[in-house]
Amino acid sequence: MLRPDTGLPRFKGGPLVPVVTYLLVLVVLSGLVTISPRTSPPPILGTLWGIFLVVLTVAAVRIEAVAPRSLLPPARTLLPVVGVVAAFWGLYNLVALALALGGVSGFEATLSRTAAHPLLYLAALFSSLLFTAVPEEFLFRAYLQQKCTALAGGITRRAVLSGIGLVAVLFALFHLPRWFLALGHGVGSALAAELLGLTLMGLAYGSVYALTGNLWLVALFHASMNHPPFIITVNIPSGLHLVAGVIEYAAIVSLVYLTVRVTGSDGTPIVWTRRDTSAPVRE
């Protein structure tokens, strides 16, 4: 089973705790980007940033009187998590190969750098998973999304969707220091497209987390989307990035939804499971 035997935590703090936590993240991130205004931060800085996010999130959930360990899925879910993500990228590569053989622009039937240097790719993927994806998803999905859901009413469908949507917007805005300070971009249509793409990404990751409650699954999707394991050469034209993103995120959520339906005890996807003895809420 993908889904761990956990549900919505009983947060004891008020709305000020997540607000202060998020603002601290933006302030520290802006400071780090100002100190090192590079597209990719030095490895040591990236490592420290990941550690900071984890420490800050742990501090926030402790203030909320929630055990940080309770937000982590058990190790037994790792194998099915890897299986789902591998299935997604296997299907993706089959489609990419078909498009390449069909002569579609942006897809070439030649080995990618990932296929040519698999060990280097795995190192980059592991680094992204450990210092970017897990810390960010721990903050945004395991804490902020669940906290916002609790504030919106707890276990109702409306509350769950509100939590997903609000945190998706916060996730998009979280990238603004990099956009303005590291990349030097301004306000315009490019920014609007960037924010829209990041919001869609946040909606996809939030939906995966709401369906499964599994931090490892959403983090592995996050890391592998940062470093796509393409077997052939794929260069999607910049004008089609948003369209490709919509298709990718829809495919991720659809695959996870179908997986939860298949593995659910009664064939219906669990939206959220409460920590008390009440019945779980199902869609």
C-alpha atoms as a PDB file:
ATOM      1  CA  MET A   1       0.000   0.000   0.000  1.00  0.00           C
ATOM      2  CA  LEU A   2       1.151   3.505  -0.767  1.00  0.00           C
ATOM      3  CA  ARG A   3      -0.829   5.113   1.987  1.00  0.00           C
ATOM      4  CA  PRO A   4       0.617   5.049   5.524  1.00  0.00           C
ATOM      5  CA  ASP A   5      -1.718   4.437   8.440  1.00  0.00           C
ATOM      6  CA  THR A   6      -1.865   8.093   9.442  1.00  0.00           C
ATOM      7  CA  GLY A   7      -4.273  10.963   8.963  1.00  0.00           C
ATOM      8  CA  LEU A   8      -4.807  14.634   9.655  1.00  0.00           C
ATOM      9  CA  PRO A   9      -2.806  15.682  12.744  1.00  0.00           C
ATOM     10  CA  ARG A  10      -4.478  17.520  15.634  1.00  0.00           C
ATOM     11  CA  PHE A  11      -2.633  20.806  15.507  1.00  0.00           C
ATOM     12  CA  LYS A  12      -2.781  22.792  18.747  1.00  0.00           C
ATOM     13  CA  GLY A  13      -1.427  26.122  17.447  1.00  0.00           C
ATOM     14  CA  GLY A  14      -3.383  28.862  15.735  1.00  0.00           C
ATOM     15  CA  PRO A  15      -3.000  30.396  12.268  1.00  0.00           C
ATOM     16  CA  LEU A  16      -0.036  32.526  13.376  1.00  0.00           C
ATOM     17  CA  VAL A  17       2.350  29.542  13.490  1.00  0.00           C
ATOM     18  CA  PRO A  18       2.206  28.692   9.746  1.00  0.00           C
ATOM     19  CA  VAL A  19       2.218  32.395   8.795  1.00  0.00           C
ATOM     20  CA  VAL A  20       5.398  33.092  10.772  1.00  0.00           C
ATOM     21  CA  THR A  21       6.985  29.862   9.488  1.00  0.00           C
ATOM     22  CA  TYR A  22       6.311  30.786   5.860  1.00  0.00           C
ATOM     23  CA  LEU A  23       7.533  34.365   6.281  1.00  0.00           C
ATOM     24  CA  LEU A  24      10.750  33.112   7.905  1.00  0.00           C
ATOM     25  CA  VAL A  25      11.307  30.849   4.906  1.00  0.00           C
ATOM     26  CA  LEU A  26      10.908  33.763   2.480  1.00  0.00           C
ATOM     27  CA  VAL A  27      13.210  36.045   4.502  1.00  0.00           C
ATOM     28  CA  VAL A  28      15.993  33.474   4.858  1.00  0.00           C
ATOM     29  CA  LEU A  29      15.691  32.385   1.222  1.00  0.00           C
ATOM     30  CA  SER A  30      15.902  36.010   0.043  1.00  0.00           C
ATOM     31  CA  GLY A  31      19.014  36.491   2.153  1.00  0.00           C
ATOM     32  CA  LEU A  32      20.691  33.371   0.781  1.00  0.00           C
ATOM     33  CA  VAL A  33      19.873  34.307  -2.813  1.00  0.00           C
ATOM     34  CA  THR A  34      21.261  37.803  -2.222  1.00  0.00           C
ATOM     35  CA  ILE A  35      24.481  36.362  -0.799  1.00  0.00           C
ATOM     36  CA  SER A  36      24.850  33.878  -3.667  1.00  0.00           C
ATOM     37  CA  PRO A  37      22.957  35.218  -6.707  1.00  0.00           C
ATOM     38  CA  ARG A  38      23.543  32.198  -8.926  1.00  0.00           C
ATOM     39  CA  THR A  39      21.140  30.079 -10.938  1.00  0.00           C
ATOM     40  CA  SER A  40      22.277  27.016  -8.986  1.00  0.00           C
ATOM     41  CA  PRO A  41      23.508  27.544  -5.403  1.00  0.00           C
ATOM     42  CA  PRO A  42      26.852  26.053  -4.287  1.00  0.00           C
ATOM     43  CA  PRO A  43      26.444  22.512  -2.906  1.00  0.00           C
ATOM     44  CA  ILE A  44      27.209  23.588   0.660  1.00  0.00           C
ATOM     45  CA  LEU A  45      24.591  26.346   0.500  1.00  0.00           C
ATOM     46  CA  GLY A  46      21.999  23.990  -0.951  1.00  0.00           C
ATOM     47  CA  THR A  47      22.721  21.494   1.816  1.00  0.00           C
ATOM     48  CA  LEU A  48      22.379  24.137   4.540  1.00  0.00           C
ATOM     49  CA  TRP A  49      19.138  25.361   2.994  1.00  0.00           C
ATOM     50  CA  GLY A  50      17.647  21.872   3.048  1.00  0.00           C
ATOM     51  CA  ILE A  51      18.685  21.389   6.675  1.00  0.00           C
ATOM     52  CA  PHE A  52      17.189  24.770   7.590  1.00  0.00           C
ATOM     53  CA  LEU A  53      13.808  23.841   6.065  1.00  0.00           C
ATOM     54  CA  VAL A  54      13.711  20.565   7.979  1.00  0.00           C
ATOM     55  CA  VAL A  55      14.718  22.177  11.288  1.00  0.00           C
ATOM     56  CA  LEU A  56      12.197  24.990  10.849  1.00  0.00           C
ATOM     57  CA  THR A  57       9.390  22.573   9.997  1.00  0.00           C
ATOM     58  CA  VAL A  58      10.226  20.348  12.961  1.00  0.00           C
ATOM     59  CA  ALA A  59      10.168  23.407  15.235  1.00  0.00           C
ATOM     60  CA  ALA A  60       6.798  24.502  13.826  1.00  0.00           C
ATOM     61  CA  VAL A  61       5.112  21.125  14.274  1.00  0.00           C
ATOM     62  CA  ARG A  62       6.513  20.822  17.805  1.00  0.00           C
ATOM     63  CA  ILE A  63       4.932  24.185  18.624  1.00  0.00           C
ATOM     64  CA  GLU A  64       1.734  22.687  17.192  1.00  0.00           C
ATOM     65  CA  ALA A  65       2.137  19.797  19.688  1.00  0.00           C
ATOM     66  CA  VAL A  66       2.519  17.275  16.863  1.00  0.00           C
ATOM     67  CA  ALA A  67       5.303  14.698  16.808  1.00  0.00           C
ATOM     68  CA  PRO A  68       7.414  15.288  13.653  1.00  0.00           C
ATOM     69  CA  ARG A  69       7.914  11.557  13.251  1.00  0.00           C
ATOM     70  CA  SER A  70       4.156  11.093  12.885  1.00  0.00           C
ATOM     71  CA  LEU A  71       4.321  13.034   9.592  1.00  0.00           C
ATOM     72  CA  LEU A  72       6.773  10.538   8.087  1.00  0.00           C
ATOM     73  CA  PRO A  73       5.468   7.433   6.290  1.00  0.00           C
ATOM     74  CA  PRO A  74       6.800   4.035   7.391  1.00  0.00           C
ATOM     75  CA  ALA A  75       9.700   2.495   5.501  1.00  0.00           C
ATOM     76  CA  ARG A  76       7.461  -0.311   4.206  1.00  0.00           C
ATOM     77  CA  THR A  77       5.841   2.165   1.806  1.00  0.00           C
ATOM     78  CA  LEU A  78       9.131   2.899   0.016  1.00  0.00           C
ATOM     79  CA  LEU A  79       8.933  -0.070  -2.360  1.00  0.00           C
ATOM     80  CA  PRO A  80       5.446   0.717  -3.727  1.00  0.00           C
ATOM     81  CA  VAL A  81       6.401   4.411  -3.913  1.00  0.00           C
ATOM     82  CA  VAL A  82       9.383   3.600  -6.134  1.00  0.00           C
ATOM     83  CA  GLY A  83       7.172   1.296  -8.172  1.00  0.00           C
ATOM     84  CA  VAL A  84       4.572   3.998  -8.893  1.00  0.00           C
ATOM     85  CA  VAL A  85       7.161   6.617  -9.829  1.00  0.00           C
ATOM     86  CA  ALA A  86       9.049   4.103 -11.983  1.00  0.00           C
ATOM     87  CA  ALA A  87       5.787   3.167 -13.729  1.00  0.00           C
ATOM     88  CA  PHE A  88       5.094   6.828 -14.509  1.00  0.00           C
ATOM     89  CA  TRP A  89       8.524   7.439 -16.016  1.00  0.00           C
ATOM     90  CA  GLY A  90       8.447   4.132 -17.861  1.00  0.00           C
ATOM     91  CA  LEU A  91       5.204   5.144 -19.573  1.00  0.00           C
ATOM     92  CA  TYR A  92       6.579   8.637 -20.176  1.00  0.00           C
ATOM     93  CA  ASN A  93       9.637   7.238 -21.918  1.00  0.00           C
ATOM     94  CA  LEU A  94       7.515   4.944 -24.077  1.00  0.00           C
ATOM     95  CA  VAL A  95       5.412   7.907 -25.205  1.00  0.00           C
ATOM     96  CA  ALA A  96       8.544  10.005 -25.809  1.00  0.00           C
ATOM     97  CA  LEU A  97      10.074   7.227 -27.905  1.00  0.00           C
ATOM     98  CA  ALA A  98       6.880   6.917 -29.940  1.00  0.00           C
ATOM     99  CA  LEU A  99       6.882  10.679 -30.559  1.00  0.00           C
ATOM    100  CA  ALA A 100      10.558  10.553 -31.554  1.00  0.00           C
ATOM    101  CA  LEU A 101       9.941   7.732 -34.019  1.00  0.00           C
ATOM    102  CA  GLY A 102       7.008   9.738 -35.355  1.00  0.00           C
ATOM    103  CA  GLY A 103       9.290  12.675 -36.084  1.00  0.00           C
ATOM    104  CA  VAL A 104       7.710  15.073 -33.553  1.00  0.00           C
ATOM    105  CA  SER A 105       9.866  18.145 -32.911  1.00  0.00           C
ATOM    106  CA  GLY A 106      11.633  18.100 -29.536  1.00  0.00           C
ATOM    107  CA  PHE A 107      11.961  14.325 -29.357  1.00  0.00           C
ATOM    108  CA  GLU A 108      15.008  12.523 -30.771  1.00  0.00           C
ATOM    109  CA  ALA A 109      15.635   8.777 -30.878  1.00  0.00           C
ATOM    110  CA  THR A 110      19.126   9.179 -29.437  1.00  0.00           C
ATOM    111  CA  LEU A 111      20.355   8.291 -25.965  1.00  0.00           C
ATOM    112  CA  SER A 112      20.069  11.085 -23.416  1.00  0.00           C
ATOM    113  CA  ARG A 113      22.766  12.163 -20.963  1.00  0.00           C
ATOM    114  CA  THR A 114      20.886  10.242 -18.275  1.00  0.00           C
ATOM    115  CA  ALA A 115      21.224   7.002 -20.224  1.00  0.00           C
ATOM    116  CA  ALA A 116      24.853   7.739 -21.097  1.00  0.00           C
ATOM    117  CA  HIS A 117      25.854   8.608 -17.506  1.00  0.00           C
ATOM    118  CA  PRO A 118      23.426   6.791 -15.169  1.00  0.00           C
ATOM    119  CA  LEU A 119      25.623   7.064 -12.052  1.00  0.00           C
ATOM    120  CA  LEU A 120      25.951  10.838 -12.388  1.00  0.00           C
ATOM    121  CA  TYR A 121      22.201  11.065 -12.894  1.00  0.00           C
ATOM    122  CA  LEU A 122      21.460   8.974  -9.797  1.00  0.00           C
ATOM    123  CA  ALA A 123      23.806  11.167  -7.751  1.00  0.00           C
ATOM    124  CA  ALA A 124      22.026  14.330  -8.923  1.00  0.00           C
ATOM    125  CA  LEU A 125      18.604  12.754  -8.291  1.00  0.00           C
ATOM    126  CA  PHE A 126      19.540  11.620  -4.794  1.00  0.00           C
ATOM    127  CA  SER A 127      20.953  15.054  -3.952  1.00  0.00           C
ATOM    128  CA  SER A 128      17.780  16.751  -5.193  1.00  0.00           C
ATOM    129  CA  LEU A 129      15.630  14.306  -3.263  1.00  0.00           C
ATOM    130  CA  LEU A 130      17.546  14.678  -0.004  1.00  0.00           C
ATOM    131  CA  PHE A 131      18.213  18.421   0.065  1.00  0.00           C
ATOM    132  CA  THR A 132      15.392  19.895  -2.032  1.00  0.00           C
ATOM    133  CA  ALA A 133      12.376  17.655  -2.530  1.00  0.00           C
ATOM    134  CA  VAL A 134      12.058  16.085   0.933  1.00  0.00           C
ATOM    135  CA  PRO A 135      12.640  19.358   2.873  1.00  0.00           C
ATOM    136  CA  GLU A 136      10.245  21.343   0.657  1.00  0.00           C
ATOM    137  CA  GLU A 137       7.517  18.709   0.675  1.00  0.00           C
ATOM    138  CA  PHE A 138       7.943  18.223   4.422  1.00  0.00           C
ATOM    139  CA  LEU A 139       7.239  21.941   4.852  1.00  0.00           C
ATOM    140  CA  PHE A 140       4.605  22.567   2.194  1.00  0.00           C
ATOM    141  CA  ARG A 141       2.647  19.335   2.122  1.00  0.00           C
ATOM    142  CA  ALA A 142       3.240  17.473   5.399  1.00  0.00           C
ATOM    143  CA  TYR A 143       2.882  20.631   7.499  1.00  0.00           C
ATOM    144  CA  LEU A 144       1.398  23.657   5.702  1.00  0.00           C
ATOM    145  CA  GLN A 145      -1.139  21.770   3.587  1.00  0.00           C
ATOM    146  CA  GLN A 146      -2.377  19.698   6.508  1.00  0.00           C
ATOM    147  CA  LYS A 147      -2.436  22.772   8.752  1.00  0.00           C
ATOM    148  CA  CYS A 148      -4.431  24.788   6.209  1.00  0.00           C
ATOM    149  CA  THR A 149      -6.799  21.854   5.780  1.00  0.00           C
ATOM    150  CA  ALA A 150      -7.307  21.709   9.533  1.00  0.00           C
ATOM    151  CA  LEU A 151      -7.974  25.466   9.687  1.00  0.00           C
ATOM    152  CA  ALA A 152     -10.453  25.165   6.803  1.00  0.00           C
ATOM    153  CA  GLY A 153     -12.551  22.582   8.574  1.00  0.00           C
ATOM    154  CA  GLY A 154     -10.524  19.403   8.923  1.00  0.00           C
ATOM    155  CA  ILE A 155     -11.709  16.406   6.959  1.00  0.00           C
ATOM    156  CA  THR A 156     -14.342  17.746   4.596  1.00  0.00           C
ATOM    157  CA  ARG A 157     -13.746  17.652   0.858  1.00  0.00           C
ATOM    158  CA  ARG A 158     -13.956  21.458   0.726  1.00  0.00           C
ATOM    159  CA  ALA A 159     -11.306  21.793   3.431  1.00  0.00           C
ATOM    160  CA  VAL A 160      -8.969  19.364   1.675  1.00  0.00           C
ATOM    161  CA  LEU A 161      -9.328  21.205  -1.643  1.00  0.00           C
ATOM    162  CA  SER A 162      -8.832  24.552   0.127  1.00  0.00           C
ATOM    163  CA  GLY A 163      -5.611  23.284   1.699  1.00  0.00           C
ATOM    164  CA  ILE A 164      -4.324  22.008  -1.632  1.00  0.00           C
ATOM    165  CA  GLY A 165      -5.142  25.258  -3.459  1.00  0.00           C
ATOM    166  CA  LEU A 166      -3.816  27.701  -0.856  1.00  0.00           C
ATOM    167  CA  VAL A 167      -0.521  25.884  -0.365  1.00  0.00           C
ATOM    168  CA  ALA A 168      -0.092  25.524  -4.150  1.00  0.00           C
ATOM    169  CA  VAL A 169      -0.194  29.341  -4.380  1.00  0.00           C
ATOM    170  CA  LEU A 170       2.227  29.678  -1.451  1.00  0.00           C
ATOM    171  CA  PHE A 171       4.521  27.171  -3.154  1.00  0.00           C
ATOM    172  CA  ALA A 172       4.518  29.273  -6.336  1.00  0.00           C
ATOM    173  CA  LEU A 173       5.214  32.530  -4.444  1.00  0.00           C
ATOM    174  CA  PHE A 174       8.033  30.760  -2.593  1.00  0.00           C
ATOM    175  CA  HIS A 175      10.007  30.808  -5.864  1.00  0.00           C
ATOM    176  CA  LEU A 176       9.808  34.591  -6.328  1.00  0.00           C
ATOM    177  CA  PRO A 177      13.122  35.428  -4.564  1.00  0.00           C
ATOM    178  CA  ARG A 178      14.928  33.228  -7.081  1.00  0.00           C
ATOM    179  CA  TRP A 179      12.992  34.786  -9.984  1.00  0.00           C
ATOM    180  CA  PHE A 180      13.769  38.395  -9.017  1.00  0.00           C
ATOM    181  CA  LEU A 181      17.107  38.128  -7.177  1.00  0.00           C
ATOM    182  CA  ALA A 182      18.956  35.171  -8.703  1.00  0.00           C
ATOM    183  CA  LEU A 183      17.656  35.290 -12.265  1.00  0.00           C
ATOM    184  CA  GLY A 184      17.140  39.045 -12.448  1.00  0.00           C
ATOM    185  CA  HIS A 185      13.761  38.797 -14.174  1.00  0.00           C
ATOM    186  CA  GLY A 186      11.078  41.434 -13.797  1.00  0.00           C
ATOM    187  CA  VAL A 187       7.301  41.639 -13.829  1.00  0.00           C
ATOM    188  CA  GLY A 188       5.588  40.642 -17.050  1.00  0.00           C
ATOM    189  CA  SER A 189       3.971  37.848 -18.998  1.00  0.00           C
ATOM    190  CA  ALA A 190       6.929  35.545 -18.321  1.00  0.00           C
ATOM    191  CA  LEU A 191       6.378  35.910 -14.574  1.00  0.00           C
ATOM    192  CA  ALA A 192       2.672  35.152 -14.960  1.00  0.00           C
ATOM    193  CA  ALA A 193       3.477  31.995 -16.928  1.00  0.00           C
ATOM    194  CA  GLU A 194       6.079  30.983 -14.344  1.00  0.00           C
ATOM    195  CA  LEU A 195       3.672  31.435 -11.434  1.00  0.00           C
ATOM    196  CA  LEU A 196       0.937  29.560 -13.277  1.00  0.00           C
ATOM    197  CA  GLY A 197       3.259  26.640 -13.992  1.00  0.00           C
ATOM    198  CA  LEU A 198       4.454  26.523 -10.376  1.00  0.00           C
ATOM    199  CA  THR A 199       0.887  26.702  -9.080  1.00  0.00           C
ATOM    200  CA  LEU A 200      -0.100  23.782 -11.295  1.00  0.00           C
ATOM    201  CA  MET A 201       2.911  21.903  -9.968  1.00  0.00           C
ATOM    202  CA  GLY A 202       1.826  22.640  -6.409  1.00  0.00           C
ATOM    203  CA  LEU A 203      -1.718  21.497  -7.176  1.00  0.00           C
ATOM    204  CA  ALA A 204      -0.386  18.215  -8.557  1.00  0.00           C
ATOM    205  CA  TYR A 205       1.908  17.544  -5.601  1.00  0.00           C
ATOM    206  CA  GLY A 206      -0.801  18.595  -3.167  1.00  0.00           C
ATOM    207  CA  SER A 207      -3.305  16.256  -4.814  1.00  0.00           C
ATOM    208  CA  VAL A 208      -0.852  13.356  -4.645  1.00  0.00           C
ATOM    209  CA  TYR A 209      -0.304  14.046  -0.956  1.00  0.00           C
ATOM    210  CA  ALA A 210      -4.032  14.371  -0.239  1.00  0.00           C
ATOM    211  CA  LEU A 211      -4.706  11.065  -1.990  1.00  0.00           C
ATOM    212  CA  THR A 212      -1.920   9.123  -0.301  1.00  0.00           C
ATOM    213  CA  GLY A 213      -0.634  11.035   2.728  1.00  0.00           C
ATOM    214  CA  ASN A 214       2.785   9.754   1.687  1.00  0.00           C
ATOM    215  CA  LEU A 215       5.678  12.214   1.909  1.00  0.00           C
ATOM    216  CA  TRP A 216       8.091   9.833   0.163  1.00  0.00           C
ATOM    217  CA  LEU A 217       5.847   9.562  -2.895  1.00  0.00           C
ATOM    218  CA  VAL A 218       5.339  13.279  -3.429  1.00  0.00           C
ATOM    219  CA  ALA A 219       9.027  13.996  -2.725  1.00  0.00           C
ATOM    220  CA  LEU A 220      10.200  11.396  -5.239  1.00  0.00           C
ATOM    221  CA  PHE A 221       7.865  12.801  -7.887  1.00  0.00           C
ATOM    222  CA  HIS A 222       9.208  16.274  -7.061  1.00  0.00           C
ATOM    223  CA  ALA A 223      12.855  15.222  -7.351  1.00  0.00           C
ATOM    224  CA  SER A 224      12.337  13.217 -10.540  1.00  0.00           C
ATOM    225  CA  MET A 225      10.466  16.113 -12.155  1.00  0.00           C
ATOM    226  CA  ASN A 226      13.472  18.313 -11.323  1.00  0.00           C
ATOM    227  CA  HIS A 227      15.711  15.683 -12.961  1.00  0.00           C
ATOM    228  CA  PRO A 228      13.580  13.782 -15.504  1.00  0.00           C
ATOM    229  CA  PRO A 229      14.965  10.282 -16.187  1.00  0.00           C
ATOM    230  CA  PHE A 230      14.587  10.474 -19.946  1.00  0.00           C
ATOM    231  CA  ILE A 231      16.200   7.605 -21.824  1.00  0.00           C
ATOM    232  CA  ILE A 232      16.092   9.454 -25.143  1.00  0.00           C
ATOM    233  CA  THR A 233      16.842  13.101 -25.902  1.00  0.00           C
ATOM    234  CA  VAL A 234      13.878  15.344 -25.083  1.00  0.00           C
ATOM    235  CA  ASN A 235      13.937  19.105 -25.684  1.00  0.00           C
ATOM    236  CA  ILE A 236      10.415  20.469 -25.430  1.00  0.00           C
ATOM    237  CA  PRO A 237      10.125  23.922 -27.097  1.00  0.00           C
ATOM    238  CA  SER A 238       9.855  26.750 -24.558  1.00  0.00           C
ATOM    239  CA  GLY A 239       6.471  27.780 -25.914  1.00  0.00           C
ATOM    240  CA  LEU A 240       5.076  24.361 -25.051  1.00  0.00           C
ATOM    241  CA  HIS A 241       6.498  24.044 -21.531  1.00  0.00           C
ATOM    242  CA  LEU A 242       3.220  24.997 -19.870  1.00  0.00           C
ATOM    243  CA  VAL A 243       1.195  22.622 -22.049  1.00  0.00           C
ATOM    244  CA  ALA A 244       3.648  19.806 -21.386  1.00  0.00           C
ATOM    245  CA  GLY A 245       3.483  20.571 -17.673  1.00  0.00           C
ATOM    246  CA  VAL A 246      -0.301  20.344 -17.618  1.00  0.00           C
ATOM    247  CA  ILE A 247      -0.148  16.942 -19.329  1.00  0.00           C
ATOM    248  CA  GLU A 248       2.583  15.689 -16.995  1.00  0.00           C
ATOM    249  CA  TYR A 249       0.830  16.793 -13.797  1.00  0.00           C
ATOM    250  CA  ALA A 250      -2.513  15.413 -14.965  1.00  0.00           C
ATOM    251  CA  ALA A 251      -0.816  12.088 -15.731  1.00  0.00           C
ATOM    252  CA  ILE A 252       0.836  11.971 -12.289  1.00  0.00           C
ATOM    253  CA  VAL A 253      -2.393  12.652 -10.408  1.00  0.00           C
ATOM    254  CA  SER A 254      -4.346  10.224 -12.609  1.00  0.00           C
ATOM    255  CA  LEU A 255      -1.829   7.422 -12.056  1.00  0.00           C
ATOM    256  CA  VAL A 256      -1.802   7.947  -8.287  1.00  0.00           C
ATOM    257  CA  TYR A 257      -5.598   8.143  -8.196  1.00  0.00           C
ATOM    258  CA  LEU A 258      -5.925   4.865 -10.092  1.00  0.00           C
ATOM    259  CA  THR A 259      -3.320   3.239  -7.864  1.00  0.00           C
ATOM    260  CA  VAL A 260      -5.192   4.280  -4.722  1.00  0.00           C
ATOM    261  CA  ARG A 261      -8.453   2.975  -6.192  1.00  0.00           C
ATOM    262  CA  VAL A 262      -6.857  -0.377  -6.953  1.00  0.00           C
ATOM    263  CA  THR A 263      -5.172  -0.728  -3.559  1.00  0.00           C
ATOM    264  CA  GLY A 264      -7.997   0.754  -1.457  1.00  0.00           C
ATOM    265  CA  SER A 265      -9.822  -1.647   0.777  1.00  0.00           C
ATOM    266  CA  ASP A 266     -13.196  -1.016  -0.864  1.00  0.00           C
ATOM    267  CA  GLY A 267     -12.073   0.293  -4.233  1.00  0.00           C
ATOM    268  CA  THR A 268     -12.528   3.984  -3.379  1.00  0.00           C
ATOM    269  CA  PRO A 269      -9.704   6.495  -2.850  1.00  0.00           C
ATOM    270  CA  ILE A 270      -9.118   7.698   0.676  1.00  0.00           C
ATOM    271  CA  VAL A 271      -9.103  11.494   0.764  1.00  0.00           C
ATOM    272  CA  TRP A 272      -8.017  11.669   4.389  1.00  0.00           C
ATOM    273  CA  THR A 273      -7.937   9.330   7.366  1.00  0.00           C
ATOM    274  CA  ARG A 274      -8.526  10.762  10.814  1.00  0.00           C
ATOM    275  CA  ARG A 275      -6.233   9.968  13.726  1.00  0.00           C
ATOM    276  CA  ASP A 276      -9.157   9.282  16.041  1.00  0.00           C
ATOM    277  CA  THR A 277     -11.522   6.327  15.969  1.00  0.00           C
ATOM    278  CA  SER A 278     -13.997   7.963  13.607  1.00  0.00           C
ATOM    279  CA  ALA A 279     -14.534   6.561  10.128  1.00  0.00           C
ATOM    280  CA  PRO A 280     -12.200   7.801   7.400  1.00  0.00           C
ATOM    281  CA  VAL A 281     -13.538  10.287   4.917  1.00  0.00           C
ATOM    282  CA  ARG A 282     -13.840   8.835   1.450  1.00  0.00           C
ATOM    283  CA  GLU A 283     -14.577  10.433  -1.860  1.00  0.00           C
END
